C-alpha atoms as a PDB file:
ATOM      1  CA  GLY A   1     -48.484 -25.162 -37.589  1.00  0.00           C
ATOM      2  CA  LEU A   2     -52.128 -24.279 -37.841  1.00  0.00           C
ATOM      3  CA  ALA A   3     -53.225 -20.662 -37.335  1.00  0.00           C
ATOM      4  CA  ILE A   4     -56.417 -20.183 -35.312  1.00  0.00           C
ATOM      5  CA  PRO A   5     -58.106 -16.863 -36.100  1.00  0.00           C
ATOM      6  CA  MET A   6     -59.338 -15.262 -32.896  1.00  0.00           C
ATOM      7  CA  LEU A   7     -61.219 -12.085 -32.101  1.00  0.00           C
ATOM      8  CA  LEU A   8     -59.582 -10.154 -29.240  1.00  0.00           C
ATOM      9  CA  ASP A   9     -60.821  -7.378 -27.035  1.00  0.00           C
ATOM     10  CA  ARG A  10     -58.047  -5.669 -24.963  1.00  0.00           C
ATOM     11  CA  GLY A  11     -55.971  -8.830 -25.145  1.00  0.00           C
ATOM     12  CA  TYR A  12     -58.830 -11.263 -24.271  1.00  0.00           C
ATOM     13  CA  ILE A  13     -60.439 -13.909 -26.522  1.00  0.00           C
ATOM     14  CA  VAL A  14     -64.041 -13.038 -27.468  1.00  0.00           C
ATOM     15  CA  GLY A  15     -64.363 -15.039 -30.713  1.00  0.00           C
ATOM     16  CA  ILE A  16     -62.747 -18.029 -32.485  1.00  0.00           C
ATOM     17  CA  ASN A  17     -63.119 -19.240 -36.076  1.00  0.00           C
ATOM     18  CA  ALA A  18     -64.659 -22.707 -35.981  1.00  0.00           C
ATOM     19  CA  HIS A  19     -63.027 -24.112 -39.099  1.00  0.00           C
ATOM     20  CA  PRO A  20     -59.491 -24.681 -37.720  1.00  0.00           C
ATOM     21  CA  LEU A  21     -60.938 -25.849 -34.444  1.00  0.00           C
ATOM     22  CA  GLU A  22     -62.817 -28.603 -36.230  1.00  0.00           C
ATOM     23  CA  LYS A  23     -59.576 -29.775 -37.816  1.00  0.00           C
ATOM     24  CA  LEU A  24     -58.046 -29.868 -34.359  1.00  0.00           C
ATOM     25  CA  ARG A  25     -61.118 -31.804 -33.183  1.00  0.00           C
ATOM     26  CA  VAL A  26     -62.122 -28.968 -30.854  1.00  0.00           C
ATOM     27  CA  PRO A  27     -65.753 -28.535 -31.911  1.00  0.00           C
ATOM     28  CA  LYS A  28     -67.009 -26.820 -28.803  1.00  0.00           C
ATOM     29  CA  ARG A  29     -66.069 -23.316 -29.817  1.00  0.00           C
ATOM     30  CA  ASN A  30     -68.608 -21.677 -27.523  1.00  0.00           C
ATOM     31  CA  LYS A  31     -67.301 -23.566 -24.529  1.00  0.00           C
ATOM     32  CA  LEU A  32     -63.724 -22.405 -25.309  1.00  0.00           C
ATOM     33  CA  ILE A  33     -64.918 -18.826 -25.674  1.00  0.00           C
ATOM     34  CA  GLN A  34     -66.848 -19.091 -22.426  1.00  0.00           C
ATOM     35  CA  GLN A  35     -63.717 -20.328 -20.643  1.00  0.00           C
ATOM     36  CA  ALA A  36     -61.739 -17.460 -22.083  1.00  0.00           C
ATOM     37  CA  LEU A  37     -64.425 -14.978 -21.073  1.00  0.00           C
ATOM     38  CA  HIS A  38     -64.498 -16.465 -17.602  1.00  0.00           C
ATOM     39  CA  MET A  39     -60.752 -15.990 -17.309  1.00  0.00           C
ATOM     40  CA  ALA A  40     -61.157 -12.402 -18.461  1.00  0.00           C
ATOM     41  CA  GLN A  41     -63.810 -11.762 -15.820  1.00  0.00           C
ATOM     42  CA  VAL A  42     -61.558 -12.915 -13.009  1.00  0.00           C
ATOM     43  CA  GLY A  43     -58.671 -10.798 -14.327  1.00  0.00           C
ATOM     44  CA  ILE A  44     -56.536 -13.480 -15.999  1.00  0.00           C
ATOM     45  CA  ASP A  45     -55.168 -12.349 -19.357  1.00  0.00           C
ATOM     46  CA  LEU A  46     -53.582 -14.372 -22.132  1.00  0.00           C
ATOM     47  CA  GLN A  47     -50.041 -13.672 -20.921  1.00  0.00           C
ATOM     48  CA  ALA A  48     -50.855 -15.074 -17.485  1.00  0.00           C
ATOM     49  CA  VAL A  49     -52.397 -18.157 -19.081  1.00  0.00           C
ATOM     50  CA  GLN A  50     -49.325 -18.562 -21.289  1.00  0.00           C
ATOM     51  CA  GLN A  51     -47.032 -18.304 -18.277  1.00  0.00           C
ATOM     52  CA  ARG A  52     -48.928 -21.112 -16.546  1.00  0.00           C
ATOM     53  CA  LEU A  53     -49.214 -23.264 -19.641  1.00  0.00           C
ATOM     54  CA  ASP A  54     -45.516 -22.933 -20.603  1.00  0.00           C
ATOM     55  CA  PRO A  55     -43.043 -23.627 -17.763  1.00  0.00           C
ATOM     56  CA  LYS A  56     -40.126 -22.872 -20.095  1.00  0.00           C
ATOM     57  CA  PHE A  57     -41.465 -19.359 -20.490  1.00  0.00           C
ATOM     58  CA  GLN A  58     -41.284 -18.831 -16.742  1.00  0.00           C
ATOM     59  CA  LYS A  59     -37.779 -20.281 -16.593  1.00  0.00           C
ATOM     60  CA  ASN A  60     -36.548 -18.189 -19.502  1.00  0.00           C
ATOM     61  CA  MET A  61     -38.024 -15.051 -17.996  1.00  0.00           C
ATOM     62  CA  ALA A  62     -36.375 -15.770 -14.641  1.00  0.00           C
ATOM     63  CA  THR A  63     -33.039 -16.374 -16.366  1.00  0.00           C
ATOM     64  CA  MET A  64     -33.361 -13.138 -18.324  1.00  0.00           C
ATOM     65  CA  GLU A  65     -34.321 -11.170 -15.231  1.00  0.00           C
ATOM     66  CA  LYS A  66     -31.299 -12.566 -13.383  1.00  0.00           C
ATOM     67  CA  LYS A  67     -28.974 -11.609 -16.245  1.00  0.00           C
ATOM     68  CA  VAL A  68     -30.374  -8.090 -16.320  1.00  0.00           C
ATOM     69  CA  LYS A  69     -30.068  -7.834 -12.538  1.00  0.00           C
ATOM     70  CA  ASP A  70     -26.465  -9.081 -12.653  1.00  0.00           C
ATOM     71  CA  GLN A  71     -25.593  -6.665 -15.446  1.00  0.00           C
ATOM     72  CA  ASN A  72     -27.111  -3.775 -13.512  1.00  0.00           C
ATOM     73  CA  GLN A  73     -25.157  -4.780 -10.409  1.00  0.00           C
ATOM     74  CA  ASN A  74     -21.921  -5.010 -12.415  1.00  0.00           C
ATOM     75  CA  LEU A  75     -22.606  -1.566 -13.817  1.00  0.00           C
ATOM     76  CA  ARG A  76     -23.232  -0.162 -10.334  1.00  0.00           C
ATOM     77  CA  ASP A  77     -20.015  -1.806  -9.098  1.00  0.00           C
ATOM     78  CA  GLN A  78     -18.058  -0.274 -11.975  1.00  0.00           C
ATOM     79  CA  ILE A  79     -19.537   3.148 -11.252  1.00  0.00           C
ATOM     80  CA  ASP A  80     -18.723   2.792  -7.537  1.00  0.00           C
ATOM     81  CA  SER A  81     -15.187   1.651  -8.377  1.00  0.00           C
ATOM     82  CA  SER A  82     -14.754   4.545 -10.801  1.00  0.00           C
ATOM     83  CA  GLU A  83     -15.977   7.024  -8.202  1.00  0.00           C
ATOM     84  CA  GLY A  84     -13.632   5.513  -5.602  1.00  0.00           C
ATOM     85  CA  THR A  85     -10.691   5.768  -7.984  1.00  0.00           C
ATOM     86  CA  LYS A  86     -11.632   9.337  -8.827  1.00  0.00           C
ATOM     87  CA  ARG A  87     -11.772  10.277  -5.145  1.00  0.00           C
ATOM     88  CA  ALA A  88      -8.366   8.631  -4.542  1.00  0.00           C
ATOM     89  CA  VAL A  89      -6.801  10.483  -7.487  1.00  0.00           C
ATOM     90  CA  LEU A  90      -8.272  13.791  -6.339  1.00  0.00           C
ATOM     91  CA  LYS A  91      -6.884  13.172  -2.858  1.00  0.00           C
ATOM     92  CA  VAL A  92      -3.406  12.479  -4.251  1.00  0.00           C
ATOM     93  CA  LEU A  93      -3.564  15.595  -6.436  1.00  0.00           C
ATOM     94  CA  LYS A  94      -4.642  17.657  -3.469  1.00  0.00           C
ATOM     95  CA  ASN A  95      -1.715  16.333  -1.395  1.00  0.00           C
ATOM     96  CA  ILE A  96       0.652  17.088  -4.261  1.00  0.00           C
ATOM     97  CA  GLN A  97      -0.670  20.631  -4.462  1.00  0.00           C
ATOM     98  CA  VAL A  98      -0.252  21.071  -0.705  1.00  0.00           C
ATOM     99  CA  GLU A  99       3.326  19.767  -0.810  1.00  0.00           C
ATOM    100  CA  LYS A 100       4.070  21.862  -3.871  1.00  0.00           C
ATOM    101  CA  GLY A 101       2.774  24.915  -2.044  1.00  0.00           C
ATOM    102  CA  LYS A 102       5.017  24.155   0.930  1.00  0.00           C
ATOM    103  CA  ALA A 103       8.040  23.652  -1.345  1.00  0.00           C
ATOM    104  CA  GLU A 104       7.351  26.922  -3.147  1.00  0.00           C
ATOM    105  CA  LYS A 105       7.098  28.783   0.151  1.00  0.00           C
ATOM    106  CA  ALA A 106      10.352  27.221   1.388  1.00  0.00           C
ATOM    107  CA  LYS A 107      12.096  28.125  -1.881  1.00  0.00           C
ATOM    108  CA  ALA A 108      10.835  31.683  -1.712  1.00  0.00           C
ATOM    109  CA  LYS A 109      12.148  31.946   1.848  1.00  0.00           C
ATOM    110  CA  ASN A 110      15.551  30.544   0.865  1.00  0.00           C
ATOM    111  CA  ASP A 111      15.750  32.866  -2.122  1.00  0.00           C
ATOM    112  CA  ALA A 112      14.974  35.816   0.115  1.00  0.00           C
ATOM    113  CA  ILE A 113      17.788  34.810   2.487  1.00  0.00           C
ATOM    114  CA  LEU A 114      20.265  34.370  -0.385  1.00  0.00           C
ATOM    115  CA  GLU A 115      19.398  37.761  -1.825  1.00  0.00           C
ATOM    116  CA  SER A 116      19.578  39.544   1.533  1.00  0.00           C
ATOM    117  CA  THR A 117      23.409  39.378   1.741  1.00  0.00           C
ATOM    118  CA  ASP A 118      26.200  41.074  -0.200  1.00  0.00           C
ATOM    119  CA  GLU A 119      28.342  37.926   0.018  1.00  0.00           C
ATOM    120  CA  GLY A 120      28.589  35.782  -3.069  1.00  0.00           C
ATOM    121  CA  ILE A 121      26.908  32.423  -2.489  1.00  0.00           C
ATOM    122  CA  TYR A 122      26.409  29.509  -4.846  1.00  0.00           C
ATOM    123  CA  GLY A 123      25.510  25.842  -4.550  1.00  0.00           C
ATOM    124  CA  ILE A 124      26.878  22.816  -6.395  1.00  0.00           C
ATOM    125  CA  ASP A 125      25.618  19.271  -6.800  1.00  0.00           C
ATOM    126  CA  LYS A 126      27.641  16.060  -6.401  1.00  0.00           C
ATOM    127  CA  ALA A 127      29.154  16.598  -9.839  1.00  0.00           C
ATOM    128  CA  GLY A 128      30.330  20.099  -8.928  1.00  0.00           C
ATOM    129  CA  LYS A 129      27.759  21.814 -11.166  1.00  0.00           C
ATOM    130  CA  CYS A 130      26.052  25.035 -10.101  1.00  0.00           C
ATOM    131  CA  ILE A 131      22.473  24.534  -8.934  1.00  0.00           C
ATOM    132  CA  PHE A 132      21.825  28.021  -7.548  1.00  0.00           C
ATOM    133  CA  VAL A 133      23.619  31.350  -7.262  1.00  0.00           C
ATOM    134  CA  ASN A 134      22.675  34.638  -5.641  1.00  0.00           C
ATOM    135  CA  SER A 135      22.796  38.084  -7.186  1.00  0.00           C
ATOM    136  CA  ALA A 136      25.898  39.088  -5.214  1.00  0.00           C
ATOM    137  CA  ALA A 137      27.939  36.237  -6.748  1.00  0.00           C
ATOM    138  CA  VAL A 138      26.627  37.119 -10.207  1.00  0.00           C
ATOM    139  CA  LYS A 139      27.773  40.709  -9.733  1.00  0.00           C
ATOM    140  CA  ILE A 140      31.174  39.807  -8.271  1.00  0.00           C
ATOM    141  CA  LEU A 141      32.084  37.205 -10.890  1.00  0.00           C
ATOM    142  CA  GLY A 142      30.677  39.035 -13.918  1.00  0.00           C
ATOM    143  CA  TYR A 143      28.738  36.065 -15.261  1.00  0.00           C
ATOM    144  CA  SER A 144      25.007  36.037 -15.754  1.00  0.00           C
ATOM    145  CA  ARG A 145      22.964  33.589 -13.710  1.00  0.00           C
ATOM    146  CA  GLU A 146      22.213  31.585 -16.871  1.00  0.00           C
ATOM    147  CA  GLU A 147      25.927  31.337 -17.669  1.00  0.00           C
ATOM    148  CA  MET A 148      26.623  29.808 -14.267  1.00  0.00           C
ATOM    149  CA  LEU A 149      23.713  27.439 -13.678  1.00  0.00           C
ATOM    150  CA  GLY A 150      24.564  23.893 -14.749  1.00  0.00           C
ATOM    151  CA  LYS A 151      28.262  24.685 -15.197  1.00  0.00           C
ATOM    152  CA  ASN A 152      31.124  23.068 -13.317  1.00  0.00           C
ATOM    153  CA  MET A 153      32.175  25.859 -10.959  1.00  0.00           C
ATOM    154  CA  HIS A 154      35.778  24.722 -10.552  1.00  0.00           C
ATOM    155  CA  GLU A 155      36.263  24.807 -14.331  1.00  0.00           C
ATOM    156  CA  LEU A 156      34.479  28.156 -14.560  1.00  0.00           C
ATOM    157  CA  ILE A 157      36.141  30.233 -11.784  1.00  0.00           C
ATOM    158  CA  HIS A 158      38.801  28.139 -10.050  1.00  0.00           C
ATOM    159  CA  TYR A 159      40.739  26.520 -12.876  1.00  0.00           C
ATOM    160  CA  ARG A 160      44.154  28.238 -12.420  1.00  0.00           C
ATOM    161  CA  HIS A 161      46.640  29.254  -9.760  1.00  0.00           C
ATOM    162  CA  VAL A 162      47.878  32.828  -9.447  1.00  0.00           C
ATOM    163  CA  ASP A 163      51.014  31.913 -11.423  1.00  0.00           C
ATOM    164  CA  GLY A 164      48.857  30.752 -14.314  1.00  0.00           C
ATOM    165  CA  THR A 165      49.399  27.002 -13.845  1.00  0.00           C
ATOM    166  CA  ALA A 166      46.408  24.665 -14.081  1.00  0.00           C
ATOM    167  CA  TYR A 167      44.571  23.927 -10.874  1.00  0.00           C
ATOM    168  CA  SER A 168      43.556  20.266 -10.768  1.00  0.00           C
ATOM    169  CA  VAL A 169      40.085  19.677  -9.395  1.00  0.00           C
ATOM    170  CA  LYS A 170      41.516  16.871  -7.248  1.00  0.00           C
ATOM    171  CA  ASP A 171      43.582  19.466  -5.385  1.00  0.00           C
ATOM    172  CA  CYS A 172      40.654  21.862  -4.940  1.00  0.00           C
ATOM    173  CA  PRO A 173      39.648  22.179  -1.251  1.00  0.00           C
ATOM    174  CA  VAL A 174      35.990  22.676  -2.207  1.00  0.00           C
ATOM    175  CA  TYR A 175      36.058  19.474  -4.231  1.00  0.00           C
ATOM    176  CA  LYS A 176      37.705  17.602  -1.356  1.00  0.00           C
ATOM    177  CA  SER A 177      35.040  18.809   1.042  1.00  0.00           C
ATOM    178  CA  LEU A 178      32.396  17.657  -1.440  1.00  0.00           C
ATOM    179  CA  VAL A 179      33.908  14.169  -1.607  1.00  0.00           C
ATOM    180  CA  GLU A 180      34.325  13.920   2.150  1.00  0.00           C
ATOM    181  CA  GLY A 181      31.015  15.590   2.970  1.00  0.00           C
ATOM    182  CA  LYS A 182      32.727  17.933   5.436  1.00  0.00           C
ATOM    183  CA  GLY A 183      32.740  21.712   5.752  1.00  0.00           C
ATOM    184  CA  ILE A 184      35.977  23.687   5.170  1.00  0.00           C
ATOM    185  CA  ARG A 185      37.217  27.262   5.435  1.00  0.00           C
ATOM    186  CA  VAL A 186      40.244  28.549   3.482  1.00  0.00           C
ATOM    187  CA  ASN A 187      41.723  32.011   2.855  1.00  0.00           C
ATOM    188  CA  THR A 188      44.527  31.257   0.425  1.00  0.00           C
ATOM    189  CA  GLU A 189      42.504  30.789  -2.750  1.00  0.00           C
ATOM    190  CA  VAL A 190      41.778  33.014  -5.724  1.00  0.00           C
ATOM    191  CA  VAL A 191      38.877  32.896  -8.193  1.00  0.00           C
ATOM    192  CA  PHE A 192      38.636  34.213 -11.721  1.00  0.00           C
ATOM    193  CA  ARG A 193      36.027  36.586 -13.085  1.00  0.00           C
ATOM    194  CA  LYS A 194      34.500  36.280 -16.514  1.00  0.00           C
ATOM    195  CA  ASN A 195      36.985  38.883 -17.833  1.00  0.00           C
ATOM    196  CA  LYS A 196      39.876  36.607 -16.713  1.00  0.00           C
ATOM    197  CA  THR A 197      40.947  38.859 -13.826  1.00  0.00           C
ATOM    198  CA  PHE A 198      41.245  37.242 -10.413  1.00  0.00           C
ATOM    199  CA  PHE A 199      40.883  38.228  -6.766  1.00  0.00           C
ATOM    200  CA  PRO A 200      41.649  36.545  -3.424  1.00  0.00           C
ATOM    201  CA  VAL A 201      38.788  35.033  -1.462  1.00  0.00           C
ATOM    202  CA  GLN A 202      38.078  33.703   1.964  1.00  0.00           C
ATOM    203  CA  CYS A 203      36.078  30.633   1.005  1.00  0.00           C
ATOM    204  CA  SER A 204      33.763  28.504   3.127  1.00  0.00           C
ATOM    205  CA  SER A 205      32.061  25.307   1.974  1.00  0.00           C
ATOM    206  CA  TYR A 206      29.341  23.385   3.811  1.00  0.00           C
ATOM    207  CA  PRO A 207      27.492  20.163   2.911  1.00  0.00           C
ATOM    208  CA  LEU A 208      24.035  20.443   1.389  1.00  0.00           C
ATOM    209  CA  VAL A 209      22.086  17.611   3.033  1.00  0.00           C
ATOM    210  CA  GLU A 210      18.758  16.081   1.991  1.00  0.00           C
ATOM    211  CA  ASN A 211      17.187  13.085   3.751  1.00  0.00           C
ATOM    212  CA  GLY A 212      20.415  12.479   5.649  1.00  0.00           C
ATOM    213  CA  LYS A 213      22.608  12.343   2.514  1.00  0.00           C
ATOM    214  CA  THR A 214      25.041  14.905   1.172  1.00  0.00           C
ATOM    215  CA  VAL A 215      23.758  15.991  -2.235  1.00  0.00           C
ATOM    216  CA  GLY A 216      26.053  18.942  -2.775  1.00  0.00           C
ATOM    217  CA  MET A 217      27.796  21.905  -1.177  1.00  0.00           C
ATOM    218  CA  VAL A 218      27.002  25.524  -0.398  1.00  0.00           C
ATOM    219  CA  VAL A 219      29.981  27.786  -1.110  1.00  0.00           C
ATOM    220  CA  THR A 220      30.430  31.366   0.126  1.00  0.00           C
END
């Protein structure tokens, strides 16, 4: 290409070297300058002239502006989506905290009831393992709470008859009530303390129900 030296003032043409213009067969340098000055007087700068002279420039600029606009919109959508997700998560967490608070209050109330009696009370799950025990039962049986929780209660305190013979869990009335999901009351049983001594008990067993299903038994 051929470079055309020009003299600019604030982006407007005020002078052009004649030599390259002559090679381009554009001898009327003054006329070109006058046209440029006229455009400057009416407020048309070189960029505006270029935009009119080059349609591709206009098209490319429009395409670029659309891409930028689309990218900005995508970014706004992502931010809105992120904020919506954040609000949903916070709502779920808040509900969890509310439900947790209710559960903790209910547990505290149940614990208070269990500890308000001098009768030994414990609970077992479907496998016969201890899931809770009150202080009275701990004191009567001689085991610590930690020694009882998670243990099979039949094997821990109800494993023998008075004559020393083994007591099968299948014959245990508490186990039968657990299988059948029905409450029972018996007064012919004995239980064994940690020190291997035993004592007679009047035993009651009632189903522990959650969402309409028997999940264990409460034994007193």
